[in-house]
Protein backbone atom coordinates (compact mmCIF):
# COMPACT_ATOMS: atom_id res chain seq x y z
CA MET A 1 -6.30 -2.31 -34.75
CA GLU A 2 -5.58 -2.45 -31.10
CA LEU A 3 -7.88 -0.51 -29.30
CA ILE A 4 -7.21 0.93 -25.45
CA LYS A 5 -10.42 1.07 -23.38
CA LEU A 6 -10.41 3.80 -20.68
CA PRO A 7 -12.64 4.45 -17.65
CA TYR A 8 -15.51 6.99 -18.49
CA LYS A 9 -14.24 9.71 -16.23
CA ILE A 10 -11.16 10.08 -18.57
CA GLY A 11 -12.95 8.79 -21.67
CA ILE A 12 -15.55 11.62 -21.71
CA PRO A 13 -13.22 14.45 -21.87
CA ILE A 14 -10.91 12.46 -24.34
CA VAL A 15 -13.96 11.91 -26.62
CA LYS A 16 -14.80 15.82 -26.29
CA TYR A 17 -11.01 16.70 -26.98
CA LEU A 18 -10.81 14.41 -30.01
CA SER A 19 -14.28 15.51 -31.28
CA ASN A 20 -13.09 18.94 -31.57
CA LEU A 21 -10.06 17.79 -33.69
CA GLY A 22 -12.68 16.06 -35.92
CA ILE A 23 -12.30 12.36 -34.60
CA GLU A 24 -15.80 10.90 -34.06
CA PRO A 25 -16.01 8.72 -30.94
CA ARG A 26 -16.47 4.96 -31.23
CA LYS A 27 -19.83 3.26 -30.06
CA ASP A 28 -20.62 0.07 -28.44
CA ASN A 29 -23.36 -2.50 -29.55
CA GLY A 30 -25.93 -0.36 -27.74
CA GLY A 31 -25.12 2.77 -29.36
CA GLY A 32 -23.30 4.42 -26.39
CA LEU A 33 -19.87 5.65 -26.28
CA SER A 34 -17.46 2.87 -25.96
CA PHE A 35 -14.56 5.06 -24.64
CA GLN A 36 -11.95 3.03 -26.82
CA PHE A 37 -9.27 4.76 -28.48
CA THR A 38 -6.18 4.06 -30.45
CA GLN A 39 -2.75 4.98 -29.36
CA GLU A 40 -2.14 7.35 -32.17
CA GLU A 41 -5.36 9.31 -31.21
CA LEU A 42 -4.48 9.00 -27.36
CA ASP A 43 -1.05 10.68 -28.34
CA GLN A 44 -2.96 13.71 -29.76
CA VAL A 45 -4.68 14.59 -26.50
CA LEU A 46 -2.94 17.42 -24.86
CA GLU A 47 -5.64 18.46 -22.07
CA ILE A 48 -7.78 16.82 -19.69
CA GLN A 49 -10.11 18.43 -17.15
CA ILE A 50 -12.05 16.00 -14.80
CA ASP A 51 -14.69 17.50 -12.62
CA GLU A 52 -16.22 15.61 -9.66
CA PRO A 53 -13.56 12.83 -10.05
CA THR A 54 -13.89 9.32 -8.32
CA ALA A 55 -11.12 7.15 -6.54
CA GLY A 56 -9.32 5.25 -9.50
CA CYS A 57 -10.62 7.15 -12.28
CA LEU A 58 -7.22 8.19 -13.58
CA GLN A 59 -6.37 4.47 -14.28
CA GLY A 60 -5.20 4.52 -18.06
CA ILE A 61 -4.28 8.38 -18.21
CA GLU A 62 -0.65 7.32 -18.60
CA HIS A 63 -1.56 6.15 -22.24
CA CYS A 64 -1.77 9.94 -23.08
CA HIS A 65 2.01 10.19 -23.62
CA ASN A 66 1.82 13.94 -24.81
CA LEU A 67 -0.56 15.27 -22.13
CA LYS A 68 0.37 18.85 -21.38
CA SER A 69 -2.38 19.96 -19.03
CA LEU A 70 -4.22 18.09 -16.33
CA LYS A 71 -6.98 19.50 -14.13
CA VAL A 72 -8.56 17.43 -11.37
CA ILE A 73 -11.39 19.54 -9.67
CA ASN A 74 -14.32 19.26 -7.27
CA LYS A 75 -15.96 22.58 -6.67
CA SER A 76 -18.65 21.23 -4.47
CA TYR A 77 -16.45 20.14 -1.52
CA SER A 78 -18.07 20.40 2.04
CA ALA A 79 -16.25 19.39 5.18
CA PHE A 80 -19.91 18.54 6.41
CA SER A 81 -20.76 16.16 3.87
CA ASN A 82 -19.52 12.61 4.01
CA SER A 83 -20.08 11.80 0.35
CA ASN A 84 -17.39 14.13 -1.32
CA MET A 85 -16.16 12.97 -4.68
CA SER A 86 -12.28 12.72 -4.94
CA ILE A 87 -9.10 10.90 -6.42
CA SER A 88 -7.19 8.83 -4.34
CA ASP A 89 -3.62 8.34 -3.39
CA ALA A 90 -3.15 5.49 -5.94
CA ASP A 91 -4.34 8.00 -8.54
CA ILE A 92 -1.42 10.50 -7.25
CA LYS A 93 1.02 7.85 -7.89
CA ILE A 94 -0.13 7.77 -11.58
CA ILE A 95 0.03 11.50 -11.83
CA ALA A 96 3.55 11.49 -10.56
CA LYS A 97 4.49 9.56 -13.78
CA LEU A 98 3.17 11.87 -16.24
CA THR A 99 6.46 13.57 -17.07
CA SER A 100 5.15 15.32 -20.27
CA LEU A 101 2.97 17.54 -18.00
CA GLU A 102 3.34 21.30 -18.35
CA SER A 103 0.32 22.24 -16.28
CA LEU A 104 -1.39 20.43 -13.27
CA SER A 105 -4.19 21.69 -10.95
CA ILE A 106 -5.65 19.65 -8.11
CA VAL A 107 -8.25 21.35 -6.20
CA GLY A 108 -10.63 20.03 -3.72
CA GLN A 109 -9.68 16.61 -3.23
CA LYS A 110 -10.32 15.22 0.09
CA GLY A 111 -9.19 11.49 -0.44
CA ILE A 112 -5.46 12.29 -1.17
CA THR A 113 -2.55 12.67 1.61
CA TRP A 114 0.35 13.57 -0.70
CA VAL A 115 1.25 15.00 -4.02
CA ASP A 116 4.95 13.93 -5.72
CA VAL A 117 6.07 16.43 -8.49
CA THR A 118 9.65 15.22 -8.40
CA ASP A 119 9.56 13.74 -12.05
CA LEU A 120 7.23 16.55 -13.40
CA VAL A 121 10.20 18.64 -14.24
CA ASN A 122 8.34 20.26 -17.27
CA LEU A 123 5.77 21.75 -15.21
CA GLY A 124 5.45 25.66 -15.94
CA PHE A 125 2.11 25.88 -13.87
CA LEU A 126 1.21 23.99 -10.61
CA SER A 127 -1.80 24.71 -8.44
CA ILE A 128 -2.62 22.44 -5.29
CA GLU A 129 -5.45 24.17 -3.52
CA ARG A 130 -8.10 23.12 -0.86
CA ASN A 131 -7.09 19.49 -0.56
CA ASN A 132 -8.04 19.05 3.05
CA GLY A 133 -6.04 15.58 3.52
CA ILE A 134 -2.70 16.48 2.07
CA ASP A 135 -0.01 16.61 4.70
CA LEU A 136 2.94 16.38 2.35
CA VAL A 137 3.87 17.88 -1.15
CA GLU A 138 7.28 16.31 -2.32
CA GLY A 139 9.81 17.25 -5.28
CA LEU A 140 9.18 21.18 -5.29
CA GLU A 141 13.10 21.56 -5.50
CA SER A 142 13.16 19.69 -8.82
CA LEU A 143 10.91 22.21 -10.63
CA GLU A 144 13.21 24.34 -12.91
CA LYS A 145 10.76 25.48 -15.43
CA ILE A 146 7.88 26.61 -13.00
CA LYS A 147 6.61 30.07 -13.63
CA GLU A 148 3.37 30.01 -11.57
CA ILE A 149 2.86 28.03 -8.47
CA SER A 150 -0.34 28.34 -5.89
CA ILE A 151 -0.41 26.10 -2.90
CA PHE A 152 -2.85 27.16 -0.12
CA GLY A 153 -5.86 25.96 1.53
CA ASN A 154 -4.50 22.79 2.43
CA LYS A 155 -5.36 22.40 5.98
CA GLU A 156 -3.23 19.46 6.86
CA LEU A 157 -0.09 20.72 5.26
CA PHE A 158 2.26 22.04 7.91
CA ASP A 159 5.30 23.05 5.88
CA LEU A 160 6.38 22.90 2.18
CA ARG A 161 9.38 21.13 1.74
CA GLY A 162 11.63 22.60 -1.13
CA ILE A 163 9.63 25.86 -1.35
CA VAL A 164 12.79 27.94 -0.53
CA ASN A 165 14.88 26.12 -3.30
CA LEU A 166 12.11 26.52 -5.73
CA ILE A 167 11.78 30.49 -5.14
CA GLU A 168 15.73 30.65 -5.22
CA HIS A 169 16.17 29.01 -8.44
CA ASN A 170 13.29 30.04 -10.50
CA LYS A 171 12.21 33.37 -12.06
CA LEU A 172 8.41 33.32 -11.06
CA ASP A 173 5.70 35.01 -12.32
CA VAL A 174 3.07 34.03 -9.84
CA LEU A 175 3.56 32.68 -6.10
CA GLU A 176 0.67 32.05 -4.22
CA LEU A 177 1.06 30.44 -0.76
CA ASP A 178 -0.94 29.93 2.46
CA LEU A 179 -0.12 32.55 4.85
CA LEU A 180 0.93 29.80 7.38
CA ASN A 181 3.81 29.09 4.96
CA PHE A 182 5.06 32.75 5.10
CA PRO A 183 7.54 31.88 8.04
CA GLU A 184 9.29 29.43 5.95
CA VAL A 185 9.91 31.99 3.09
CA SER A 186 10.22 35.31 5.15
CA GLY A 187 13.96 35.27 4.69
CA LEU A 188 13.83 35.45 0.93
CA ILE A 189 12.00 38.98 0.92
CA PRO A 190 14.08 40.48 -2.10
CA LYS A 191 13.13 37.36 -4.13
CA LEU A 192 9.63 37.71 -3.02
CA LEU A 193 9.34 41.21 -3.88
CA ALA A 194 10.71 40.51 -7.25
CA ILE A 195 7.83 38.39 -8.21
CA PRO A 196 4.94 40.35 -10.07
CA ASN A 197 2.14 38.54 -8.49
CA CYS A 198 3.31 37.46 -4.71
CA GLN A 199 0.39 36.80 -2.52
CA PHE A 200 -0.20 34.83 0.86
CA TYR A 201 -3.61 33.37 1.43
CA GLU A 202 -5.94 32.76 4.34
CA THR A 203 -8.72 30.56 2.99
CA CYS A 204 -11.87 30.68 5.02
CA SER A 205 -14.79 28.39 5.91
CA SER A 206 -17.21 30.81 3.93
CA GLY A 207 -15.47 29.93 0.89
CA LYS A 208 -13.77 33.36 0.60
CA ASP A 209 -10.12 34.13 0.64
CA VAL A 210 -8.25 36.95 2.27
CA HIS A 211 -4.76 37.46 0.69
CA TYR A 212 -2.03 39.62 1.52
CA ASN A 213 1.17 41.13 -0.47
CA CYS A 214 4.59 40.54 0.74
CA GLY A 215 4.82 43.74 2.49
CA THR A 216 1.77 43.24 4.75
CA ALA A 217 2.60 39.56 5.28
CA SER A 218 6.12 40.78 6.48
CA LEU A 219 4.61 43.50 8.91
CA PHE A 220 2.07 40.70 10.27
CA GLN A 221 5.03 38.32 10.85
CA LYS A 222 7.01 40.98 12.72
CA ARG A 223 4.05 41.59 15.04
CA CYS A 224 3.62 37.71 15.46
CA LEU A 225 7.10 37.15 16.40
CA GLU A 226 7.02 40.13 19.05
CA ILE A 227 4.14 38.22 20.51
CA ALA A 228 5.97 34.74 20.47
CA LYS A 229 8.74 36.35 22.10
CA GLU A 230 6.67 37.63 24.81
CA ILE A 231 5.25 34.25 25.44
CA LEU A 232 8.55 32.57 25.40
CA SER A 233 9.88 35.07 27.86
CA GLN A 234 7.60 33.72 30.47
CA LYS A 235 9.77 30.40 30.12
CA PRO A 236 7.39 27.72 29.47
CA GLU A 237 8.74 24.32 30.30
CA ASN A 238 6.94 22.16 27.81
CA THR A 239 4.77 22.17 24.61
CA LEU A 240 1.62 21.91 26.53
CA ASN A 241 2.54 25.03 28.54
CA ILE A 242 3.37 27.11 25.31
CA ILE A 243 -0.21 26.25 23.90
CA ILE A 244 -1.76 27.36 27.22
CA LEU A 245 0.05 30.63 27.19
CA ILE A 246 -0.77 31.43 23.64
CA GLU A 247 -4.51 30.56 24.17
CA LYS A 248 -4.27 32.81 27.07
CA TYR A 249 -2.94 35.61 25.14
CA ILE A 250 -5.67 35.22 22.54
CA ALA A 251 -8.25 35.12 25.22
CA GLU A 252 -6.94 38.37 26.84
CA HIS A 253 -6.15 40.36 23.63
CA ILE A 254 -8.85 39.60 20.90
CA THR A 255 -12.58 40.33 21.32
CA TYR A 256 -15.27 38.87 19.38
CA ASP A 257 -16.49 41.24 16.36
CA TYR A 258 -20.12 40.93 16.68
CA ASP A 259 -20.69 44.23 14.64
CA ALA A 260 -18.72 42.71 11.39
CA LEU A 261 -21.25 40.00 11.41
CA GLU A 262 -23.86 42.59 10.19
CA ARG A 263 -21.77 44.12 7.70
CA LYS A 264 -21.74 42.75 3.98
CA GLY A 265 -18.06 42.71 3.54
CA ARG A 266 -17.54 41.38 7.23
CA PHE A 267 -14.50 43.90 7.56
CA HIS A 268 -13.59 45.38 10.87
CA GLU A 269 -14.20 49.17 11.81
CA THR A 270 -12.52 51.33 14.59
CA ASN A 271 -14.44 54.31 15.62
CA GLY A 272 -16.52 54.09 12.46
CA VAL A 273 -13.62 53.86 10.15
CA ARG A 274 -13.09 50.76 7.86
CA ARG A 275 -9.94 48.79 8.93
CA GLY A 276 -8.46 45.84 6.88
CA TYR A 277 -9.94 43.61 4.28
CA SER A 278 -13.33 42.26 3.12
CA ASN A 279 -13.97 39.07 5.12
CA GLY A 280 -11.00 39.96 7.21
CA THR A 281 -12.93 39.21 10.49
CA GLN A 282 -12.24 35.57 9.89
CA SER A 283 -8.59 36.28 9.65
CA ALA A 284 -5.51 36.02 11.69
CA TYR A 285 -4.41 39.39 10.60
CA ASN A 286 -7.50 41.02 12.07
CA GLY A 287 -7.07 38.83 15.15
CA LEU A 288 -3.42 39.88 15.93
CA ILE A 289 -3.53 43.38 14.37
CA TYR A 290 -6.72 44.77 15.29
CA GLY A 291 -7.63 42.73 18.34
CA SER A 292 -10.90 41.65 16.87
CA CYS A 293 -12.30 38.81 14.90
CA VAL A 294 -14.90 36.02 14.84
CA CYS A 295 -14.29 32.51 15.49
CA GLU A 296 -12.18 31.40 12.78
CA GLY A 297 -10.00 34.39 13.06
CA TYR A 298 -9.48 32.91 16.72
CA THR A 299 -8.35 29.88 15.21
CA ARG A 300 -6.12 31.39 12.67
CA SER A 301 -4.40 33.67 15.19
CA MET A 302 -3.50 30.66 17.34
CA GLN A 303 -2.31 28.51 14.36
CA TYR A 304 0.10 31.22 13.33
CA LEU A 305 1.68 31.93 16.61
CA LEU A 306 2.04 27.87 17.00
CA LYS A 307 3.54 27.80 13.51
CA LEU A 308 6.12 30.22 14.59
CA LEU A 309 6.89 27.73 17.36
CA GLU A 310 6.97 24.84 15.22
CA ILE A 311 3.87 23.21 16.66
CA LYS A 312 1.60 21.55 14.10
CA THR A 313 -2.12 22.48 14.00
CA LYS A 314 -5.13 22.38 11.95
CA ASN A 315 -8.05 24.65 11.51
CA VAL A 316 -10.94 22.25 12.20
CA TYR A 317 -14.48 23.06 10.96
CA CYS A 318 -17.43 22.31 13.34
CA ILE A 319 -20.63 23.38 14.66
CA GLY A 320 -21.51 24.49 18.21
CA GLY A 321 -23.52 21.75 20.02
CA LYS A 322 -23.56 18.14 20.26
CA ASP A 323 -25.16 15.28 17.99
CA LYS A 324 -26.01 17.31 14.90
CA ILE A 325 -25.02 14.33 12.66
CA LYS A 326 -27.91 12.40 10.82
CA ILE A 327 -27.84 9.54 8.55
CA ASN A 328 -29.14 9.92 4.97
CA GLU A 329 -29.66 6.63 3.41
CA HIS A 330 -29.23 7.86 -0.16
CA TYR A 331 -26.18 10.20 0.17
CA GLY A 332 -24.35 9.15 3.57
CA ASN A 333 -23.92 10.84 6.56
CA GLN A 334 -24.84 14.78 6.76
CA VAL A 335 -24.59 17.46 9.28
CA GLU A 336 -27.55 19.66 10.23
CA LEU A 337 -26.25 23.09 9.89
CA PRO A 338 -27.60 25.61 12.01
CA ASP A 339 -29.01 29.07 10.80
CA ASP A 340 -25.75 30.71 11.60
CA GLY A 341 -23.59 28.39 9.79
CA TYR A 342 -20.17 27.07 10.63
CA TYR A 343 -17.78 27.32 13.55
CA SER A 344 -13.99 26.84 13.97
CA ILE A 345 -11.85 25.45 16.60
CA ILE A 346 -8.05 24.36 16.47
CA ARG A 347 -6.40 20.90 16.62
CA VAL A 348 -2.87 20.80 17.92
CA GLU A 349 -0.48 18.09 17.97
CA VAL A 350 1.66 17.28 20.98
CA GLY A 351 3.89 14.30 20.22
CA ASP A 352 1.56 11.46 19.32
CA ALA A 353 -1.53 13.16 21.19
CA MET A 354 -3.92 15.38 19.38
CA TYR A 355 -5.78 17.85 21.40
CA TYR A 356 -8.63 20.38 20.43
CA CYS A 357 -8.62 23.89 21.75
CA ASP A 358 -11.63 26.40 21.21
CA PRO A 359 -9.76 29.84 21.59
CA CYS A 360 -13.11 31.66 20.74
CA TRP A 361 -15.31 30.57 23.54
CA ASP A 362 -12.50 30.64 25.92
CA SER A 363 -11.79 34.32 24.96
CA CYS A 364 -15.60 35.29 25.18
CA ARG A 365 -15.46 33.64 28.80
CA TRP A 366 -12.50 35.23 29.63
CA HIS A 367 -13.85 38.92 29.07
CA LYS A 368 -16.95 37.89 31.14
CA GLY A 369 -14.49 36.91 34.10
CA ASP A 370 -13.98 33.17 33.72
CA THR A 371 -10.30 32.89 33.24
CA SER A 372 -10.04 29.20 33.50
CA LEU A 373 -9.71 28.44 29.72
CA PRO A 374 -12.28 25.58 29.97
CA TYR A 375 -11.91 24.67 26.24
CA CYS A 376 -8.14 24.29 26.16
CA LEU A 377 -6.48 21.00 25.25
CA LYS A 378 -9.51 18.53 25.15
CA ASN A 379 -9.26 15.20 23.37
CA ARG A 380 -11.89 14.41 20.54
CA SER A 381 -14.38 12.71 22.97
CA ASP A 382 -14.40 15.54 25.32
CA ILE A 383 -14.48 18.39 22.90
CA SER A 384 -17.42 16.59 21.07
CA GLN A 385 -19.62 16.94 24.19
CA ASN A 386 -20.27 20.66 22.97
CA HIS A 387 -19.02 20.74 19.32
CA THR A 388 -20.01 18.62 16.33
CA LEU A 389 -16.83 18.16 14.37
CA SER A 390 -16.88 18.13 10.47
CA PHE A 391 -16.12 14.92 8.67
CA GLU A 392 -12.53 15.75 8.18
CA GLU A 393 -11.91 14.61 11.66
CA ASN A 394 -13.18 11.25 11.19
CA GLY A 395 -9.71 9.87 11.54
CA VAL A 396 -8.86 11.35 15.05
CA GLY A 397 -9.52 9.20 18.00
CA GLY A 398 -9.85 10.33 21.62
CA ILE A 399 -7.56 7.76 23.25
CA TYR A 400 -5.50 10.38 25.03
CA PRO A 401 -6.79 12.19 27.97
CA SER A 402 -7.68 15.84 27.98
CA ILE A 403 -5.35 17.97 29.75
CA SER A 404 -6.95 18.34 33.39
CA PRO A 405 -8.52 21.73 34.28
CA GLU A 406 -6.56 21.51 37.51
CA TYR A 407 -3.10 21.44 35.66
CA ILE A 408 -4.08 24.34 33.52
CA LYS A 409 -5.52 26.26 36.53
CA LEU A 410 -2.31 25.59 38.50
CA PHE A 411 -0.06 26.73 35.68
CA LEU A 412 -1.78 29.91 35.21
CA GLU A 413 -1.84 30.66 38.70
CA ASN A 414 1.85 30.03 39.00
CA GLN A 415 2.59 32.13 35.90
CA GLU A 416 0.33 35.01 37.36
CA GLU A 417 2.53 34.73 40.76
CA LEU A 418 5.78 34.96 38.86
CA LEU A 419 4.70 37.73 36.80
CA ILE A 420 3.91 39.81 40.19
CA ASP A 421 7.29 38.63 41.57
CA ASN A 422 9.10 39.88 38.67
CA SER A 423 7.23 43.15 38.70
CA SER A 424 8.01 43.74 42.43
CA LYS A 425 11.66 42.91 41.34
CA SER A 426 11.98 45.59 38.78
CA LYS A 427 10.58 48.28 40.98
């Protein structure tokens, strides 16, 4: 009898599954589990869940020919730890061949950069959540049996190829997307309204989610389009100028919601009346609708406006202050977190260059009279002089020079002169 030996990460859930069917596990010479199975046994395995996975741990799962459900989950992921457990892109290649799958969940995997579901045509359920290295999801247009799909909180994922086709050609029961993906599907309002559970998420650093129905997301989109139109009316000549104008708009129109930090639900109040959602003070919605939020709300507000103008961004977790990384010989690099927790800034891509902006600090300075936007368009080296970036940014270098304060100052002065001239001509 030929036996197939599998890695323990797969072997453990298979042993448990088969034990529930009354099939006793094999032991090695020392009395421990051998993780050896016949093909007939593996063909009976319909469900596997792997918690705290490691790179390469899915090797051999292809022997489960009738696998219907696969869950790969890390619930303990932290951007401020350098030792998060995760599968790798090699494991994604294996998953892409599991054509019997009807349900797939990939959650909290920092070591993967893509997911391919092109050949997984039997999927009825798909969840891709909080995988902070993914920048590509392929094959959504091939899913013709899908009923429930949740793709949100994947911070590097700029757009969702095939999502429009998927929505148009399937009768969905659940659609959960990142709010940043709403511009891509906003032309499908009748289809979205027909979905029983249609939500758009902002996944916050606190681990809490703020989510909106289609109607609320539409109203938010309408307001953001008005702001984007206002910014473009100033005729910025290049992408850098667009970024500066958006950061200037945010600095002028959003104030820091200090009071919300003291409330258990972290919601906004206007004249003592509650407005918006719990944890909403970390959201773009609060920033651009109520004009008040905390640091992550500034970041998300800037992200959404830049998304409308097709400028790629990322919400970057960090800590205010330099050099808070320490070495732990047993568990790898760690970050010493301050009592007030995390902070958030934005990374923007301009051609091959990557820059960082801190719209929150710039706004706080703006309201105190400093209108120079000193934390706008810095490279990694310069922003790291007063921010400790999370380990998610380890692959980003500082080889491109920061945009000079003189350039930003001159551009803002010229814009102010143009506004004055245009105002005079209109009178």
